[in-house]
Amino acid sequence: MWMLGNVILVVAVIPILIALLNRVLAALERIRAAADDILAGGVALVGELDTTPELLATTDRVIAEVADGAVRYAGSVGKLLD
């Protein structure tokens, strides 16, 4: 009787457990690879952020120039409409 149980264990249960473990480990490797890609992208992005203060200063300067032009245009239009 015990011999039959041992045979069933070796033939059926252990291969199923090994197959399930292989699937879990394969998913874990895919997750690890995706996490490594995300980390590499984040590190590359940090390098691109070094110029942010200069870009913001340029944006502020352009906004000020556009605002001045808009005020001059509105003043001219206002004189024409009066």
PDB file of N, CA and C in Angstrom:
ATOM      1  N   MET A   1       0.827  -1.191   0.000  1.00  0.00           N
ATOM      2  CA  MET A   1       0.000   0.000   0.000  1.00  0.00           C
ATOM      3  C   MET A   1       0.875   1.260   0.000  1.00  0.00           C
ATOM      4  N   TRP A   2       1.887   1.300   0.862  1.00  0.00           N
ATOM      5  CA  TRP A   2       2.801   2.443   0.903  1.00  0.00           C
ATOM      6  C   TRP A   2       3.575   2.588  -0.403  1.00  0.00           C
ATOM      7  N   MET A   3       3.864   1.482  -0.978  1.00  0.00           N
ATOM      8  CA  MET A   3       4.620   1.505  -2.228  1.00  0.00           C
ATOM      9  C   MET A   3       3.815   2.206  -3.322  1.00  0.00           C
ATOM     10  N   LEU A   4       2.514   1.971  -3.385  1.00  0.00           N
ATOM     11  CA  LEU A   4       1.651   2.618  -4.369  1.00  0.00           C
ATOM     12  C   LEU A   4       1.612   4.131  -4.133  1.00  0.00           C
ATOM     13  N   GLY A   5       1.530   4.547  -2.893  1.00  0.00           N
ATOM     14  CA  GLY A   5       1.539   5.984  -2.564  1.00  0.00           C
ATOM     15  C   GLY A   5       2.844   6.639  -2.961  1.00  0.00           C
ATOM     16  N   ASN A   6       3.947   5.963  -2.723  1.00  0.00           N
ATOM     17  CA  ASN A   6       5.253   6.513  -3.102  1.00  0.00           C
ATOM     18  C   ASN A   6       5.386   6.639  -4.615  1.00  0.00           C
ATOM     19  N   VAL A   7       4.875   5.674  -5.347  1.00  0.00           N
ATOM     20  CA  VAL A   7       4.936   5.716  -6.806  1.00  0.00           C
ATOM     21  C   VAL A   7       4.107   6.884  -7.327  1.00  0.00           C
ATOM     22  N   ILE A   8       2.904   7.052  -6.789  1.00  0.00           N
ATOM     23  CA  ILE A   8       2.042   8.173  -7.207  1.00  0.00           C
ATOM     24  C   ILE A   8       2.733   9.503  -6.898  1.00  0.00           C
ATOM     25  N   LEU A   9       3.368   9.597  -5.738  1.00  0.00           N
ATOM     26  CA  LEU A   9       4.076  10.814  -5.362  1.00  0.00           C
ATOM     27  C   LEU A   9       5.194  11.124  -6.351  1.00  0.00           C
ATOM     28  N   VAL A  10       5.983  10.166  -6.682  1.00  0.00           N
ATOM     29  CA  VAL A  10       7.125  10.376  -7.573  1.00  0.00           C
ATOM     30  C   VAL A  10       6.658  10.638  -9.005  1.00  0.00           C
ATOM     31  N   VAL A  11       5.638   9.942  -9.455  1.00  0.00           N
ATOM     32  CA  VAL A  11       5.221  10.027 -10.853  1.00  0.00           C
ATOM     33  C   VAL A  11       4.327  11.240 -11.117  1.00  0.00           C
ATOM     34  N   ALA A  12       3.489  11.618 -10.186  1.00  0.00           N
ATOM     35  CA  ALA A  12       2.494  12.655 -10.468  1.00  0.00           C
ATOM     36  C   ALA A  12       2.766  13.967  -9.731  1.00  0.00           C
ATOM     37  N   VAL A  13       2.934  13.904  -8.438  1.00  0.00           N
ATOM     38  CA  VAL A  13       2.971  15.128  -7.641  1.00  0.00           C
ATOM     39  C   VAL A  13       4.279  15.896  -7.836  1.00  0.00           C
ATOM     40  N   ILE A  14       5.385  15.247  -7.783  1.00  0.00           N
ATOM     41  CA  ILE A  14       6.679  15.931  -7.871  1.00  0.00           C
ATOM     42  C   ILE A  14       6.858  16.616  -9.230  1.00  0.00           C
ATOM     43  N   PRO A  15       6.540  16.001 -10.371  1.00  0.00           N
ATOM     44  CA  PRO A  15       6.663  16.729 -11.643  1.00  0.00           C
ATOM     45  C   PRO A  15       5.739  17.951 -11.735  1.00  0.00           C
ATOM     46  N   ILE A  16       4.546  17.834 -11.170  1.00  0.00           N
ATOM     47  CA  ILE A  16       3.633  18.981 -11.173  1.00  0.00           C
ATOM     48  C   ILE A  16       4.222  20.116 -10.344  1.00  0.00           C
ATOM     49  N   LEU A  17       4.776  19.802  -9.185  1.00  0.00           N
ATOM     50  CA  LEU A  17       5.399  20.833  -8.350  1.00  0.00           C
ATOM     51  C   LEU A  17       6.596  21.472  -9.050  1.00  0.00           C
ATOM     52  N   ILE A  18       7.372  20.687  -9.735  1.00  0.00           N
ATOM     53  CA  ILE A  18       8.533  21.216 -10.459  1.00  0.00           C
ATOM     54  C   ILE A  18       8.069  22.131 -11.594  1.00  0.00           C
ATOM     55  N   ALA A  19       7.022  21.736 -12.306  1.00  0.00           N
ATOM     56  CA  ALA A  19       6.502  22.568 -13.395  1.00  0.00           C
ATOM     57  C   ALA A  19       5.985  23.905 -12.860  1.00  0.00           C
ATOM     58  N   LEU A  20       5.256  23.867 -11.747  1.00  0.00           N
ATOM     59  CA  LEU A  20       4.749  25.106 -11.146  1.00  0.00           C
ATOM     60  C   LEU A  20       5.886  25.994 -10.671  1.00  0.00           C
ATOM     61  N   LEU A  21       6.902  25.409 -10.087  1.00  0.00           N
ATOM     62  CA  LEU A  21       8.058  26.175  -9.628  1.00  0.00           C
ATOM     63  C   LEU A  21       8.781  26.824 -10.806  1.00  0.00           C
ATOM     64  N   ASN A  22       8.906  26.103 -11.909  1.00  0.00           N
ATOM     65  CA  ASN A  22       9.536  26.678 -13.105  1.00  0.00           C
ATOM     66  C   ASN A  22       8.752  27.874 -13.629  1.00  0.00           C
ATOM     67  N   ARG A  23       7.426  27.810 -13.615  1.00  0.00           N
ATOM     68  CA  ARG A  23       6.604  28.933 -14.070  1.00  0.00           C
ATOM     69  C   ARG A  23       6.785  30.141 -13.168  1.00  0.00           C
ATOM     70  N   VAL A  24       6.831  29.902 -11.860  1.00  0.00           N
ATOM     71  CA  VAL A  24       7.019  31.006 -10.908  1.00  0.00           C
ATOM     72  C   VAL A  24       8.396  31.634 -11.103  1.00  0.00           C
ATOM     73  N   LEU A  25       9.410  30.822 -11.267  1.00  0.00           N
ATOM     74  CA  LEU A  25      10.760  31.345 -11.451  1.00  0.00           C
ATOM     75  C   LEU A  25      10.899  32.093 -12.769  1.00  0.00           C
ATOM     76  N   ALA A  26      10.232  31.635 -13.824  1.00  0.00           N
ATOM     77  CA  ALA A  26      10.270  32.342 -15.107  1.00  0.00           C
ATOM     78  C   ALA A  26       9.618  33.716 -14.984  1.00  0.00           C
ATOM     79  N   ALA A  27       8.490  33.781 -14.282  1.00  0.00           N
ATOM     80  CA  ALA A  27       7.831  35.070 -14.068  1.00  0.00           C
ATOM     81  C   ALA A  27       8.721  35.993 -13.235  1.00  0.00           C
ATOM     82  N   LEU A  28       9.382  35.439 -12.250  1.00  0.00           N
ATOM     83  CA  LEU A  28      10.292  36.229 -11.422  1.00  0.00           C
ATOM     84  C   LEU A  28      11.436  36.807 -12.249  1.00  0.00           C
ATOM     85  N   GLU A  29      11.970  36.048 -13.166  1.00  0.00           N
ATOM     86  CA  GLU A  29      13.051  36.539 -14.021  1.00  0.00           C
ATOM     87  C   GLU A  29      12.560  37.655 -14.947  1.00  0.00           C
ATOM     88  N   ARG A  30      11.337  37.528 -15.468  1.00  0.00           N
ATOM     89  CA  ARG A  30      10.779  38.599 -16.306  1.00  0.00           C
ATOM     90  C   ARG A  30      10.577  39.880 -15.497  1.00  0.00           C
ATOM     91  N   ILE A  31      10.105  39.729 -14.276  1.00  0.00           N
ATOM     92  CA  ILE A  31       9.917  40.894 -13.402  1.00  0.00           C
ATOM     93  C   ILE A  31      11.257  41.535 -13.094  1.00  0.00           C
ATOM     94  N   ARG A  32      12.259  40.733 -12.813  1.00  0.00           N
ATOM     95  CA  ARG A  32      13.586  41.263 -12.506  1.00  0.00           C
ATOM     96  C   ARG A  32      14.157  42.009 -13.715  1.00  0.00           C
ATOM     97  N   ALA A  33      13.979  41.479 -14.907  1.00  0.00           N
ATOM     98  CA  ALA A  33      14.472  42.150 -16.111  1.00  0.00           C
ATOM     99  C   ALA A  33      13.747  43.479 -16.331  1.00  0.00           C
ATOM    100  N   ALA A  34      12.438  43.490 -16.110  1.00  0.00           N
ATOM    101  CA  ALA A  34      11.677  44.738 -16.257  1.00  0.00           C
ATOM    102  C   ALA A  34      12.121  45.765 -15.217  1.00  0.00           C
ATOM    103  N   ALA A  35      12.366  45.330 -13.999  1.00  0.00           N
ATOM    104  CA  ALA A  35      12.827  46.251 -12.959  1.00  0.00           C
ATOM    105  C   ALA A  35      14.204  46.811 -13.295  1.00  0.00           C
ATOM    106  N   ASP A  36      15.066  46.003 -13.861  1.00  0.00           N
ATOM    107  CA  ASP A  36      16.388  46.490 -14.277  1.00  0.00           C
ATOM    108  C   ASP A  36      16.260  47.524 -15.392  1.00  0.00           C
ATOM    109  N   ASP A  37      15.344  47.295 -16.338  1.00  0.00           N
ATOM    110  CA  ASP A  37      15.117  48.265 -17.413  1.00  0.00           C
ATOM    111  C   ASP A  37      14.590  49.589 -16.860  1.00  0.00           C
ATOM    112  N   ILE A  38      13.685  49.506 -15.893  1.00  0.00           N
ATOM    113  CA  ILE A  38      13.134  50.715 -15.276  1.00  0.00           C
ATOM    114  C   ILE A  38      14.229  51.482 -14.550  1.00  0.00           C
ATOM    115  N   LEU A  39      15.081  50.773 -13.842  1.00  0.00           N
ATOM    116  CA  LEU A  39      16.182  51.421 -13.132  1.00  0.00           C
ATOM    117  C   LEU A  39      17.134  52.097 -14.109  1.00  0.00           C
ATOM    118  N   ALA A  40      17.466  51.435 -15.201  1.00  0.00           N
ATOM    119  CA  ALA A  40      18.363  52.035 -16.193  1.00  0.00           C
ATOM    120  C   ALA A  40      17.729  53.278 -16.809  1.00  0.00           C
ATOM    121  N   GLY A  41      16.448  53.224 -17.085  1.00  0.00           N
ATOM    122  CA  GLY A  41      15.755  54.394 -17.625  1.00  0.00           C
ATOM    123  C   GLY A  41      15.723  55.544 -16.631  1.00  0.00           C
ATOM    124  N   GLY A  42      15.519  55.230 -15.368  1.00  0.00           N
ATOM    125  CA  GLY A  42      15.515  56.268 -14.338  1.00  0.00           C
ATOM    126  C   GLY A  42      16.872  56.933 -14.194  1.00  0.00           C
ATOM    127  N   VAL A  43      17.919  56.150 -14.253  1.00  0.00           N
ATOM    128  CA  VAL A  43      19.270  56.703 -14.155  1.00  0.00           C
ATOM    129  C   VAL A  43      19.553  57.598 -15.360  1.00  0.00           C
ATOM    130  N   ALA A  44      19.136  57.179 -16.542  1.00  0.00           N
ATOM    131  CA  ALA A  44      19.328  58.002 -17.737  1.00  0.00           C
ATOM    132  C   ALA A  44      18.523  59.289 -17.637  1.00  0.00           C
ATOM    133  N   LEU A  45      17.336  59.222 -17.063  1.00  0.00           N
ATOM    134  CA  LEU A  45      16.493  60.405 -16.920  1.00  0.00           C
ATOM    135  C   LEU A  45      17.113  61.417 -15.965  1.00  0.00           C
ATOM    136  N   VAL A  46      17.743  60.950 -14.913  1.00  0.00           N
ATOM    137  CA  VAL A  46      18.383  61.857 -13.963  1.00  0.00           C
ATOM    138  C   VAL A  46      19.458  62.678 -14.667  1.00  0.00           C
ATOM    139  N   GLY A  47      20.179  62.070 -15.577  1.00  0.00           N
ATOM    140  CA  GLY A  47      21.185  62.800 -16.336  1.00  0.00           C
ATOM    141  C   GLY A  47      20.578  63.895 -17.197  1.00  0.00           C
ATOM    142  N   GLU A  48      19.366  63.684 -17.683  1.00  0.00           N
ATOM    143  CA  GLU A  48      18.696  64.682 -18.505  1.00  0.00           C
ATOM    144  C   GLU A  48      18.143  65.841 -17.686  1.00  0.00           C
ATOM    145  N   LEU A  49      17.974  65.649 -16.388  1.00  0.00           N
ATOM    146  CA  LEU A  49      17.388  66.683 -15.545  1.00  0.00           C
ATOM    147  C   LEU A  49      18.404  67.702 -15.052  1.00  0.00           C
ATOM    148  N   ASP A  50      19.667  67.511 -15.365  1.00  0.00           N
ATOM    149  CA  ASP A  50      20.694  68.437 -14.900  1.00  0.00           C
ATOM    150  C   ASP A  50      20.512  69.832 -15.475  1.00  0.00           C
ATOM    151  N   THR A  51      19.964  69.945 -16.664  1.00  0.00           N
ATOM    152  CA  THR A  51      19.808  71.250 -17.319  1.00  0.00           C
ATOM    153  C   THR A  51      18.464  71.906 -17.013  1.00  0.00           C
ATOM    154  N   THR A  52      17.684  71.339 -16.138  1.00  0.00           N
ATOM    155  CA  THR A  52      16.340  71.860 -15.865  1.00  0.00           C
ATOM    156  C   THR A  52      16.344  73.306 -15.384  1.00  0.00           C
ATOM    157  N   PRO A  53      17.196  73.708 -14.438  1.00  0.00           N
ATOM    158  CA  PRO A  53      17.158  75.116 -14.007  1.00  0.00           C
ATOM    159  C   PRO A  53      17.415  76.104 -15.149  1.00  0.00           C
ATOM    160  N   GLU A  54      18.367  75.796 -16.034  1.00  0.00           N
ATOM    161  CA  GLU A  54      18.623  76.687 -17.158  1.00  0.00           C
ATOM    162  C   GLU A  54      17.424  76.736 -18.113  1.00  0.00           C
ATOM    163  N   LEU A  55      16.795  75.586 -18.334  1.00  0.00           N
ATOM    164  CA  LEU A  55      15.630  75.556 -19.212  1.00  0.00           C
ATOM    165  C   LEU A  55      14.463  76.342 -18.618  1.00  0.00           C
ATOM    166  N   LEU A  56      14.290  76.261 -17.313  1.00  0.00           N
ATOM    167  CA  LEU A  56      13.226  77.035 -16.662  1.00  0.00           C
ATOM    168  C   LEU A  56      13.504  78.528 -16.754  1.00  0.00           C
ATOM    169  N   ALA A  57      14.767  78.915 -16.621  1.00  0.00           N
ATOM    170  CA  ALA A  57      15.118  80.334 -16.758  1.00  0.00           C
ATOM    171  C   ALA A  57      14.825  80.814 -18.173  1.00  0.00           C
ATOM    172  N   THR A  58      15.137  80.003 -19.164  1.00  0.00           N
ATOM    173  CA  THR A  58      14.843  80.356 -20.553  1.00  0.00           C
ATOM    174  C   THR A  58      13.339  80.484 -20.755  1.00  0.00           C
ATOM    175  N   THR A  59      12.576  79.564 -20.194  1.00  0.00           N
ATOM    176  CA  THR A  59      11.117  79.615 -20.314  1.00  0.00           C
ATOM    177  C   THR A  59      10.573  80.886 -19.676  1.00  0.00           C
ATOM    178  N   ASP A  60      11.070  81.246 -18.498  1.00  0.00           N
ATOM    179  CA  ASP A  60      10.614  82.474 -17.835  1.00  0.00           C
ATOM    180  C   ASP A  60      10.926  83.702 -18.681  1.00  0.00           C
ATOM    181  N   ARG A  61      12.104  83.736 -19.296  1.00  0.00           N
ATOM    182  CA  ARG A  61      12.495  84.866 -20.142  1.00  0.00           C
ATOM    183  C   ARG A  61      11.579  84.969 -21.371  1.00  0.00           C
ATOM    184  N   VAL A  62      11.287  83.836 -21.999  1.00  0.00           N
ATOM    185  CA  VAL A  62      10.415  83.837 -23.178  1.00  0.00           C
ATOM    186  C   VAL A  62       9.005  84.272 -22.795  1.00  0.00           C
ATOM    187  N   ILE A  63       8.517  83.811 -21.662  1.00  0.00           N
ATOM    188  CA  ILE A  63       7.177  84.209 -21.214  1.00  0.00           C
ATOM    189  C   ILE A  63       7.125  85.706 -20.974  1.00  0.00           C
ATOM    190  N   ALA A  64       8.163  86.274 -20.380  1.00  0.00           N
ATOM    191  CA  ALA A  64       8.205  87.716 -20.143  1.00  0.00           C
ATOM    192  C   ALA A  64       8.208  88.474 -21.466  1.00  0.00           C
ATOM    193  N   GLU A  65       8.970  87.993 -22.452  1.00  0.00           N
ATOM    194  CA  GLU A  65       9.007  88.653 -23.760  1.00  0.00           C
ATOM    195  C   GLU A  65       7.650  88.577 -24.454  1.00  0.00           C
ATOM    196  N   VAL A  66       6.996  87.446 -24.385  1.00  0.00           N
ATOM    197  CA  VAL A  66       5.671  87.292 -25.000  1.00  0.00           C
ATOM    198  C   VAL A  66       4.666  88.189 -24.299  1.00  0.00           C
ATOM    199  N   ALA A  67       4.740  88.270 -22.980  1.00  0.00           N
ATOM    200  CA  ALA A  67       3.817  89.129 -22.236  1.00  0.00           C
ATOM    201  C   ALA A  67       4.023  90.590 -22.619  1.00  0.00           C
ATOM    202  N   ASP A  68       5.274  91.026 -22.764  1.00  0.00           N
ATOM    203  CA  ASP A  68       5.538  92.410 -23.175  1.00  0.00           C
ATOM    204  C   ASP A  68       4.963  92.672 -24.559  1.00  0.00           C
ATOM    205  N   GLY A  69       5.174  91.756 -25.478  1.00  0.00           N
ATOM    206  CA  GLY A  69       4.622  91.910 -26.826  1.00  0.00           C
ATOM    207  C   GLY A  69       3.110  91.952 -26.815  1.00  0.00           C
ATOM    208  N   ALA A  70       2.496  91.122 -25.990  1.00  0.00           N
ATOM    209  CA  ALA A  70       1.035  91.100 -25.920  1.00  0.00           C
ATOM    210  C   ALA A  70       0.503  92.410 -25.353  1.00  0.00           C
ATOM    211  N   VAL A  71       1.190  92.976 -24.373  1.00  0.00           N
ATOM    212  CA  VAL A  71       0.761  94.254 -23.786  1.00  0.00           C
ATOM    213  C   VAL A  71       0.893  95.368 -24.823  1.00  0.00           C
ATOM    214  N   ARG A  72       2.000  95.367 -25.577  1.00  0.00           N
ATOM    215  CA  ARG A  72       2.170  96.392 -26.624  1.00  0.00           C
ATOM    216  C   ARG A  72       1.082  96.245 -27.695  1.00  0.00           C
ATOM    217  N   TYR A  73       0.790  95.016 -28.092  1.00  0.00           N
ATOM    218  CA  TYR A  73      -0.236  94.774 -29.110  1.00  0.00           C
ATOM    219  C   TYR A  73      -1.605  95.224 -28.601  1.00  0.00           C
ATOM    220  N   ALA A  74      -1.913  94.860 -27.349  1.00  0.00           N
ATOM    221  CA  ALA A  74      -3.217  95.234 -26.792  1.00  0.00           C
ATOM    222  C   ALA A  74      -3.329  96.755 -26.695  1.00  0.00           C
ATOM    223  N   GLY A  75      -2.235  97.434 -26.350  1.00  0.00           N
ATOM    224  CA  GLY A  75      -2.261  98.895 -26.279  1.00  0.00           C
ATOM    225  C   GLY A  75      -2.528  99.515 -27.638  1.00  0.00           C
ATOM    226  N   SER A  76      -1.884  98.976 -28.675  1.00  0.00           N
ATOM    227  CA  SER A  76      -2.099  99.489 -30.022  1.00  0.00           C
ATOM    228  C   SER A  76      -3.520  99.245 -30.492  1.00  0.00           C
ATOM    229  N   VAL A  77      -4.025  98.085 -30.234  1.00  0.00           N
ATOM    230  CA  VAL A  77      -5.413  97.763 -30.615  1.00  0.00           C
ATOM    231  C   VAL A  77      -6.376  98.650 -29.841  1.00  0.00           C
ATOM    232  N   GLY A  78      -6.069  98.875 -28.560  1.00  0.00           N
ATOM    233  CA  GLY A  78      -6.928  99.747 -27.752  1.00  0.00           C
ATOM    234  C   GLY A  78      -6.993 101.156 -28.302  1.00  0.00           C
ATOM    235  N   LYS A  79      -5.837 101.675 -28.776  1.00  0.00           N
ATOM    236  CA  LYS A  79      -5.829 103.038 -29.370  1.00  0.00           C
ATOM    237  C   LYS A  79      -6.635 103.065 -30.666  1.00  0.00           C
ATOM    238  N   LEU A  80      -6.549 101.984 -31.444  1.00  0.00           N
ATOM    239  CA  LEU A  80      -7.300 101.947 -32.692  1.00  0.00           C
ATOM    240  C   LEU A  80      -8.810 101.877 -32.465  1.00  0.00           C
ATOM    241  N   LEU A  81      -9.212 101.218 -31.414  1.00  0.00           N
ATOM    242  CA  LEU A  81     -10.645 101.033 -31.146  1.00  0.00           C
ATOM    243  C   LEU A  81     -11.259 102.246 -30.450  1.00  0.00           C
ATOM    244  N   ASP A  82     -10.434 103.122 -29.881  1.00  0.00           N
ATOM    245  CA  ASP A  82     -10.988 104.299 -29.192  1.00  0.00           C
ATOM    246  C   ASP A  82     -11.479 105.332 -30.113  1.00  0.00           C
TER     247      ASP A  82
END
